[in-house]
Amino acid sequence: MLNPIVYAAPVFILMIGLEFAWGRWRGQTIYRAADTVSSLAAGITSQLIEVFSKTITVGIYTLAWQQLALLPLRMDALWVWLLALLLYDLCYYWYHRLGHEVALLWAAHAVHHSSEEYNLSTALRQTGTGFLFSWIFYLPLAVLGVPPLVFGAVALIDLLYQFWVHTRLVGRLGWFDRVFVSPSNHRVHHGQNAYCLDRNYGGILILWDRLFGSFVEERADEPIVYGVLGQLRRWNPLSANLHVYAERWRDTRMTPRWRDKLALWFRHPGWRPADLERLAPKPIPDLRQFHRYAPPLPAGLPVYGLVHLFIQLGLGVLFLALAPGLALSTALPLALGLAAGLVLLTQLLEDPQARRAGEMLRLIFSALACAWLLQAAPSAAMQAFWATGVAAFALSVPLLGVLLRRPLTAGAVR
């Protein structure tokens, strides 16, 4: 079956474009090119990993269902689907909540919160390592007897619902805010403000937060500062996915007691042993002095990054469409190549002079890869597609040289 994201990706991009236009019409700057490149790169990376990781997660769920299911729930009964969606949303609430309250799970989830903007592209900024732990939280559905196909469908519904709530352009919605997850109450969830931390975890229903004591209203008198406490200060998806793991590992090596070494991974992400607070204190950031990450870049380079991100997106969607028919020996190198390209492109937007060689390598390798695929293309349409790829990457080499000779502009909002 074709990956549903192949169908959803054009809709996501259309909605992002409409939100951008709506924001401009209202005189609001809600997108920055480099941040959008970063969020979409993380989303593509997540999907590339899921091509391989879903074998583990779906396999474990299916095995548990086959061996442990208590009830013979039928797929043709509407009530089974509705019950499965309700219970999935409840399981998601606890997965999401513990993803903020247990350091090991936060390490996987932090990538989604690392953007300092809040827009529809932020919704696509998904984890690449969440598959390591997420399956545990949904095993109760398998034990109950929810068939794997129903489980997969309601999981997709829950995920797709959450896309639209990542916007600053929709205000309060009255009664809707009290029952369902909405832009207002999910904005709180993404805030660094003290009142926002560890709040509003629901996927579709905000009723879970009201029931379990984690709900808080958005405050009109306190603007929300988005992002994570302790800025990531990187655009690339590799750093976004691994930075919390790296920080925890450094702390684990520094603290001498084994009890504390374990606690660093299983207690709240904000907890650190007293000896670490003395040796390597982490000051609490003053959000009144907060400045969004915006390294100085030559004029035009953020737009260059955005254009090449959409090229990578197109290649990524094509890969997702073809992946079910590819052997592992073919799919894995292609996925690694696409992921490496995303890392090199986003690193260019962090430090263009230091990362110039890496981007040149990406362009040359991509042009050669498109040329090789052109020779093997089975149809005139695919030949035209790969020929366009060759031209785009080849022409970008001199264009990049021109852009990098321009002076850096201050790290203002782009």
Protein backbone atom coordinates (compact mmCIF):
# COMPACT_ATOMS: atom_id res chain seq x y z
CA MET A 1 0.00 0.00 0.00
CA LEU A 2 1.27 3.48 -0.90
CA ASN A 3 2.50 5.49 2.07
CA PRO A 4 -0.30 7.96 3.07
CA ILE A 5 2.31 10.71 3.47
CA VAL A 6 2.77 10.64 -0.31
CA TYR A 7 -0.80 11.93 -0.61
CA ALA A 8 -0.62 14.20 2.45
CA ALA A 9 2.64 16.00 1.58
CA PRO A 10 1.17 18.21 -1.21
CA VAL A 11 -1.71 19.17 1.11
CA PHE A 12 0.74 20.07 3.89
CA ILE A 13 2.75 22.29 1.54
CA LEU A 14 -0.40 23.94 0.19
CA MET A 15 -1.60 24.69 3.73
CA ILE A 16 1.80 26.08 4.69
CA GLY A 17 1.68 28.36 1.63
CA LEU A 18 -1.82 29.54 2.53
CA GLU A 19 -0.80 30.23 6.13
CA PHE A 20 2.22 32.20 4.92
CA ALA A 21 0.01 34.29 2.59
CA TRP A 22 -2.61 34.82 5.32
CA GLY A 23 0.07 35.99 7.72
CA ARG A 24 1.49 38.44 5.17
CA TRP A 25 -2.00 39.75 4.46
CA ARG A 26 -2.46 40.37 8.19
CA GLY A 27 0.94 42.03 8.42
CA GLN A 28 2.46 39.24 10.54
CA THR A 29 5.78 37.50 9.98
CA ILE A 30 5.19 33.93 11.08
CA TYR A 31 7.72 32.16 8.86
CA ARG A 32 11.48 32.43 8.52
CA ALA A 33 13.02 30.62 5.57
CA ALA A 34 15.85 28.95 7.49
CA ASP A 35 13.54 27.80 10.29
CA THR A 36 11.08 26.38 7.76
CA VAL A 37 13.90 24.53 6.01
CA SER A 38 14.94 23.12 9.39
CA SER A 39 11.44 21.95 10.32
CA LEU A 40 10.73 20.33 6.96
CA ALA A 41 14.17 18.70 6.93
CA ALA A 42 13.42 17.12 10.31
CA GLY A 43 10.05 15.93 8.99
CA ILE A 44 11.56 14.35 5.87
CA THR A 45 14.26 12.70 7.98
CA SER A 46 11.59 11.27 10.28
CA GLN A 47 9.73 9.76 7.32
CA LEU A 48 12.92 8.27 5.87
CA ILE A 49 13.61 6.54 9.18
CA GLU A 50 10.02 5.35 9.47
CA VAL A 51 10.34 3.41 6.21
CA PHE A 52 12.59 1.04 8.16
CA SER A 53 11.42 1.47 11.77
CA LYS A 54 7.77 0.68 11.07
CA THR A 55 8.82 -2.93 10.51
CA ILE A 56 9.68 -2.98 14.22
CA THR A 57 6.71 -1.03 15.57
CA VAL A 58 4.03 -2.62 13.38
CA GLY A 59 5.62 -6.04 13.82
CA ILE A 60 5.57 -5.83 17.62
CA TYR A 61 1.97 -4.59 17.67
CA THR A 62 0.82 -7.32 15.27
CA LEU A 63 2.58 -10.03 17.25
CA ALA A 64 1.05 -8.80 20.51
CA TRP A 65 -2.40 -8.70 18.88
CA GLN A 66 -2.04 -12.23 17.52
CA GLN A 67 -0.86 -13.70 20.81
CA LEU A 68 -2.56 -11.61 23.50
CA ALA A 69 -5.82 -10.15 22.14
CA LEU A 70 -8.63 -10.61 24.67
CA LEU A 71 -11.58 -9.71 22.39
CA PRO A 72 -12.32 -10.60 18.75
CA LEU A 73 -13.05 -7.03 17.67
CA ARG A 74 -14.42 -6.81 14.13
CA MET A 75 -13.09 -4.35 11.57
CA ASP A 76 -16.53 -3.90 9.97
CA ALA A 77 -18.11 -2.50 13.17
CA LEU A 78 -18.18 1.30 13.37
CA TRP A 79 -18.11 1.25 17.16
CA VAL A 80 -14.79 -0.60 17.07
CA TRP A 81 -13.24 2.23 15.04
CA LEU A 82 -14.67 4.93 17.32
CA LEU A 83 -13.55 3.11 20.45
CA ALA A 84 -10.10 2.51 18.96
CA LEU A 85 -9.72 6.22 18.13
CA LEU A 86 -10.80 7.24 21.64
CA LEU A 87 -8.44 4.77 23.32
CA TYR A 88 -5.58 5.58 20.97
CA ASP A 89 -5.95 9.25 21.90
CA LEU A 90 -5.82 8.30 25.59
CA CYS A 91 -2.66 6.22 25.04
CA TYR A 92 -1.17 9.08 23.03
CA TYR A 93 -1.85 11.45 25.92
CA TRP A 94 0.26 9.33 28.28
CA TYR A 95 2.96 8.73 25.68
CA HIS A 96 3.15 12.47 25.08
CA ARG A 97 3.02 13.37 28.75
CA LEU A 98 5.80 10.99 29.72
CA GLY A 99 7.70 12.27 26.69
CA HIS A 100 7.98 15.52 28.65
CA GLU A 101 8.38 14.07 32.13
CA VAL A 102 10.97 11.29 31.55
CA ALA A 103 14.37 12.41 30.27
CA LEU A 104 14.94 9.41 27.99
CA LEU A 105 11.60 9.96 26.26
CA TRP A 106 12.15 13.72 26.14
CA ALA A 107 15.40 13.09 24.27
CA ALA A 108 13.32 11.56 21.47
CA HIS A 109 10.55 14.18 21.56
CA ALA A 110 12.59 17.38 21.98
CA VAL A 111 13.15 17.77 18.25
CA HIS A 112 9.47 18.65 17.81
CA HIS A 113 9.81 21.54 20.26
CA SER A 114 13.15 22.91 19.11
CA SER A 115 11.73 25.38 16.59
CA GLU A 116 11.47 28.91 17.93
CA GLU A 117 8.59 29.63 15.58
CA TYR A 118 5.05 28.26 15.74
CA ASN A 119 3.44 27.60 12.39
CA LEU A 120 2.24 24.70 10.28
CA SER A 121 5.77 23.71 9.32
CA THR A 122 6.46 23.15 13.04
CA ALA A 123 3.85 20.36 12.98
CA LEU A 124 6.02 18.44 10.52
CA ARG A 125 9.11 18.70 12.73
CA GLN A 126 8.89 15.09 13.91
CA THR A 127 11.20 12.78 15.80
CA GLY A 128 13.50 10.25 14.17
CA THR A 129 14.00 8.16 17.33
CA GLY A 130 10.53 8.02 18.87
CA PHE A 131 9.97 4.54 17.42
CA LEU A 132 12.36 3.18 20.04
CA PHE A 133 9.80 3.69 22.80
CA SER A 134 6.40 4.69 21.38
CA TRP A 135 5.20 1.13 20.68
CA ILE A 136 5.13 0.37 24.41
CA PHE A 137 2.29 2.82 25.05
CA TYR A 138 -0.04 1.30 22.44
CA LEU A 139 0.26 -2.35 23.48
CA PRO A 140 -2.97 -2.08 25.58
CA LEU A 141 -4.87 -1.65 22.29
CA ALA A 142 -3.33 -4.85 20.93
CA VAL A 143 -4.18 -6.71 24.12
CA LEU A 144 -7.76 -5.42 23.97
CA GLY A 145 -8.02 -6.78 20.42
CA VAL A 146 -7.89 -3.72 18.14
CA PRO A 147 -6.86 -5.12 14.72
CA PRO A 148 -3.55 -3.77 13.30
CA LEU A 149 -5.27 -2.14 10.31
CA VAL A 150 -7.69 -0.27 12.57
CA PHE A 151 -4.80 0.72 14.84
CA GLY A 152 -2.81 2.09 11.90
CA ALA A 153 -5.78 4.05 10.59
CA VAL A 154 -6.70 5.71 13.90
CA ALA A 155 -3.02 6.50 14.53
CA LEU A 156 -2.92 8.33 11.19
CA ILE A 157 -6.15 10.20 11.98
CA ASP A 158 -4.78 11.30 15.36
CA LEU A 159 -1.52 12.47 13.78
CA LEU A 160 -3.15 14.34 10.89
CA TYR A 161 -5.58 16.12 13.22
CA GLN A 162 -2.67 17.67 15.07
CA PHE A 163 -1.31 19.41 11.96
CA TRP A 164 -3.79 22.29 11.86
CA VAL A 165 -3.41 23.31 15.52
CA HIS A 166 0.17 24.51 14.95
CA THR A 167 -0.71 28.08 14.02
CA ARG A 168 -0.69 31.53 15.60
CA LEU A 169 -3.33 32.87 13.23
CA VAL A 170 -6.36 31.18 14.80
CA GLY A 171 -7.46 32.65 18.11
CA ARG A 172 -9.77 31.33 20.83
CA LEU A 173 -12.61 29.06 19.65
CA GLY A 174 -14.94 29.14 22.65
CA TRP A 175 -16.43 25.77 23.64
CA PHE A 176 -14.19 23.96 21.12
CA ASP A 177 -11.11 24.91 23.16
CA ARG A 178 -12.62 23.22 26.20
CA VAL A 179 -13.19 19.86 24.50
CA PHE A 180 -10.67 19.50 21.70
CA VAL A 181 -7.02 20.28 21.17
CA SER A 182 -7.00 23.66 19.42
CA PRO A 183 -4.45 26.24 18.26
CA SER A 184 -4.90 28.20 21.50
CA ASN A 185 -4.29 25.38 23.96
CA HIS A 186 -1.57 23.77 21.83
CA ARG A 187 0.34 27.05 21.61
CA VAL A 188 0.68 26.78 25.37
CA HIS A 189 2.17 23.32 24.99
CA HIS A 190 4.97 24.68 22.77
CA GLY A 191 5.90 27.56 25.07
CA GLN A 192 8.99 28.00 27.24
CA ASN A 193 7.13 30.27 29.66
CA ALA A 194 6.93 28.92 33.20
CA TYR A 195 3.15 28.50 33.04
CA CYS A 196 3.43 26.59 29.73
CA LEU A 197 5.88 23.89 30.79
CA ASP A 198 4.52 20.33 30.95
CA ARG A 199 0.98 21.30 29.98
CA ASN A 200 -1.70 20.44 27.38
CA TYR A 201 -0.57 17.06 26.05
CA GLY A 202 -3.73 15.94 24.25
CA GLY A 203 -3.73 14.76 20.64
CA ILE A 204 -7.38 15.27 19.63
CA LEU A 205 -9.16 15.68 22.96
CA ILE A 206 -8.01 18.27 25.50
CA LEU A 207 -10.42 16.57 27.92
CA TRP A 208 -7.60 14.22 28.96
CA ASP A 209 -5.61 17.21 30.25
CA ARG A 210 -8.63 18.47 32.17
CA LEU A 211 -9.18 14.99 33.61
CA PHE A 212 -5.56 14.38 34.62
CA GLY A 213 -4.71 17.90 35.82
CA SER A 214 -2.33 19.07 33.09
CA PHE A 215 -4.54 21.68 31.40
CA VAL A 216 -3.87 25.41 31.42
CA GLU A 217 -5.46 28.25 29.44
CA GLU A 218 -3.47 30.47 27.10
CA ARG A 219 -2.81 33.85 28.74
CA ALA A 220 -3.60 36.98 26.78
CA ASP A 221 -1.30 39.12 28.96
CA GLU A 222 1.89 37.01 28.50
CA PRO A 223 3.25 36.42 24.99
CA ILE A 224 4.43 32.85 24.48
CA VAL A 225 8.12 32.26 23.76
CA TYR A 226 8.46 29.14 21.64
CA GLY A 227 11.27 26.58 21.66
CA VAL A 228 13.15 24.61 24.30
CA LEU A 229 14.83 25.83 27.47
CA GLY A 230 18.48 26.03 26.45
CA GLN A 231 18.42 26.91 22.76
CA LEU A 232 19.42 24.29 20.19
CA ARG A 233 21.09 26.95 17.98
CA ARG A 234 21.27 24.58 15.02
CA TRP A 235 19.17 24.08 11.92
CA ASN A 236 20.22 20.56 10.98
CA PRO A 237 18.04 17.50 11.76
CA LEU A 238 20.96 15.45 13.09
CA SER A 239 21.60 17.89 15.93
CA ALA A 240 17.87 18.38 16.51
CA ASN A 241 17.35 14.65 16.98
CA LEU A 242 20.45 13.86 19.02
CA HIS A 243 21.31 16.94 21.09
CA VAL A 244 19.40 15.88 24.24
CA TYR A 245 20.87 12.37 24.09
CA ALA A 246 24.33 13.97 23.83
CA GLU A 247 23.70 16.31 26.76
CA ARG A 248 22.42 13.47 28.93
CA TRP A 249 25.41 11.30 28.01
CA ARG A 250 27.83 14.09 28.97
CA ASP A 251 26.09 14.50 32.32
CA THR A 252 26.07 10.73 32.84
CA ARG A 253 29.83 10.57 32.33
CA MET A 254 30.46 13.51 34.67
CA THR A 255 28.46 12.37 37.68
CA PRO A 256 30.17 9.63 39.76
CA ARG A 257 27.26 7.81 41.42
CA TRP A 258 25.50 5.04 39.49
CA ARG A 259 22.17 5.95 41.05
CA ASP A 260 22.47 9.44 39.60
CA LYS A 261 23.67 8.11 36.25
CA LEU A 262 20.43 6.14 35.91
CA ALA A 263 18.27 8.90 37.34
CA LEU A 264 19.54 11.30 34.68
CA TRP A 265 17.71 9.20 32.09
CA PHE A 266 14.55 8.30 33.99
CA ARG A 267 13.71 11.35 36.08
CA HIS A 268 12.33 14.67 34.84
CA PRO A 269 14.46 16.31 32.12
CA GLY A 270 15.00 19.33 34.37
CA TRP A 271 16.54 17.26 37.17
CA ARG A 272 20.30 17.10 37.68
CA PRO A 273 22.27 15.81 40.68
CA ALA A 274 23.74 18.39 43.06
CA ASP A 275 27.34 17.62 42.08
CA LEU A 276 26.60 18.43 38.42
CA GLU A 277 24.91 21.67 39.36
CA ARG A 278 28.13 22.67 41.10
CA LEU A 279 30.52 21.43 38.37
CA ALA A 280 28.54 22.49 35.28
CA PRO A 281 25.59 24.67 36.26
CA LYS A 282 22.87 25.36 33.73
CA PRO A 283 21.43 28.82 34.32
CA ILE A 284 17.71 29.30 33.88
CA PRO A 285 17.27 31.47 30.76
CA ASP A 286 15.70 34.89 31.15
CA LEU A 287 12.94 34.88 28.55
CA ARG A 288 12.74 38.66 28.75
CA GLN A 289 16.15 38.69 27.02
CA PHE A 290 15.33 35.88 24.60
CA HIS A 291 16.61 36.19 21.02
CA ARG A 292 15.63 33.67 18.39
CA TYR A 293 18.44 31.80 16.69
CA ALA A 294 19.23 33.64 13.46
CA PRO A 295 22.87 33.38 12.33
CA PRO A 296 24.04 36.02 9.83
CA LEU A 297 23.69 34.84 6.23
CA PRO A 298 24.34 36.32 2.78
CA ALA A 299 21.27 37.86 1.16
CA GLY A 300 19.43 35.25 -0.88
CA LEU A 301 20.90 32.20 0.85
CA PRO A 302 17.79 31.44 2.97
CA VAL A 303 15.69 31.41 -0.21
CA TYR A 304 18.29 29.18 -1.88
CA GLY A 305 17.95 26.81 1.09
CA LEU A 306 14.17 26.82 0.80
CA VAL A 307 14.24 26.04 -2.93
CA HIS A 308 16.65 23.15 -2.41
CA LEU A 309 14.61 21.92 0.52
CA PHE A 310 11.61 21.57 -1.79
CA ILE A 311 13.78 19.67 -4.27
CA GLN A 312 14.81 17.33 -1.44
CA LEU A 313 11.17 17.07 -0.42
CA GLY A 314 10.18 16.00 -3.92
CA LEU A 315 12.92 13.37 -3.96
CA GLY A 316 11.88 12.23 -0.49
CA VAL A 317 8.22 11.81 -1.49
CA LEU A 318 9.30 9.89 -4.59
CA PHE A 319 11.39 7.62 -2.37
CA LEU A 320 8.43 7.01 -0.04
CA ALA A 321 6.30 6.08 -3.05
CA LEU A 322 8.89 3.63 -4.39
CA ALA A 323 10.19 2.25 -1.07
CA PRO A 324 7.67 -0.64 -0.71
CA GLY A 325 9.04 -2.18 -3.91
CA LEU A 326 12.73 -1.65 -3.17
CA ALA A 327 15.12 -4.17 -1.69
CA LEU A 328 16.76 -3.17 1.58
CA SER A 329 20.15 -3.05 -0.16
CA THR A 330 18.75 -0.35 -2.48
CA ALA A 331 16.42 1.50 -0.10
CA LEU A 332 18.93 1.98 2.72
CA PRO A 333 21.67 3.74 0.66
CA LEU A 334 19.04 5.96 -0.99
CA ALA A 335 17.58 6.95 2.37
CA LEU A 336 21.02 7.64 3.82
CA GLY A 337 21.91 9.75 0.79
CA LEU A 338 18.74 11.82 1.12
CA ALA A 339 19.25 12.26 4.87
CA ALA A 340 22.89 13.29 4.39
CA GLY A 341 21.78 15.84 1.80
CA LEU A 342 19.33 17.35 4.28
CA VAL A 343 22.02 17.61 6.95
CA LEU A 344 24.49 19.30 4.57
CA LEU A 345 21.87 21.74 3.28
CA THR A 346 20.74 22.82 6.75
CA GLN A 347 24.33 23.09 8.01
CA LEU A 348 24.98 25.55 5.17
CA LEU A 349 22.38 27.83 6.78
CA GLU A 350 24.19 27.62 10.13
CA ASP A 351 27.66 28.65 8.93
CA PRO A 352 27.83 29.18 5.15
CA GLN A 353 31.58 29.66 4.83
CA ALA A 354 32.52 26.68 7.01
CA ARG A 355 29.97 24.43 5.30
CA ARG A 356 30.57 25.58 1.71
CA ALA A 357 32.56 22.48 0.73
CA GLY A 358 29.87 20.16 2.09
CA GLU A 359 27.15 21.89 0.08
CA MET A 360 29.25 21.80 -3.08
CA LEU A 361 29.75 18.08 -2.54
CA ARG A 362 25.98 17.64 -2.10
CA LEU A 363 25.25 19.46 -5.36
CA ILE A 364 27.84 17.56 -7.39
CA PHE A 365 26.86 14.17 -5.99
CA SER A 366 23.15 14.91 -6.52
CA ALA A 367 23.73 15.98 -10.13
CA LEU A 368 25.69 12.78 -10.81
CA ALA A 369 23.01 10.66 -9.13
CA CYS A 370 20.28 12.28 -11.25
CA ALA A 371 22.38 11.72 -14.39
CA TRP A 372 22.74 8.02 -13.52
CA LEU A 373 19.00 7.70 -12.88
CA LEU A 374 18.30 9.49 -16.16
CA GLN A 375 20.08 6.72 -18.05
CA ALA A 376 17.89 4.08 -16.38
CA ALA A 377 14.59 6.00 -16.56
CA PRO A 378 11.82 3.77 -17.96
CA SER A 379 9.68 6.53 -19.49
CA ALA A 380 9.94 9.92 -21.16
CA ALA A 381 8.30 11.56 -18.14
CA MET A 382 10.89 10.14 -15.75
CA GLN A 383 13.68 11.08 -18.16
CA ALA A 384 12.42 14.67 -18.11
CA PHE A 385 12.21 14.57 -14.30
CA TRP A 386 15.80 13.41 -13.83
CA ALA A 387 17.08 15.74 -16.56
CA THR A 388 15.51 18.64 -14.67
CA GLY A 389 17.28 17.40 -11.54
CA VAL A 390 20.64 17.35 -13.29
CA ALA A 391 20.12 20.91 -14.54
CA ALA A 392 18.92 22.21 -11.14
CA PHE A 393 21.87 20.80 -9.19
CA ALA A 394 24.45 21.70 -11.82
CA LEU A 395 23.28 25.29 -12.16
CA SER A 396 23.22 25.66 -8.37
CA VAL A 397 27.00 25.23 -8.16
CA PRO A 398 27.86 28.62 -9.71
CA LEU A 399 24.79 30.21 -8.08
CA LEU A 400 26.03 29.15 -4.66
CA GLY A 401 29.42 30.67 -5.42
CA VAL A 402 27.76 33.99 -6.26
CA LEU A 403 25.61 33.96 -3.10
CA LEU A 404 28.53 33.17 -0.80
CA ARG A 405 30.51 36.15 -2.12
CA ARG A 406 27.82 38.49 -0.82
CA PRO A 407 28.37 40.11 2.58
CA LEU A 408 26.70 38.63 5.63
CA THR A 409 23.62 40.37 6.89
CA ALA A 410 22.77 40.56 10.59
CA GLY A 411 20.79 37.70 12.02
CA ALA A 412 17.46 39.41 11.71
CA VAL A 413 14.12 37.70 11.14
CA ARG A 414 14.04 36.16 7.69
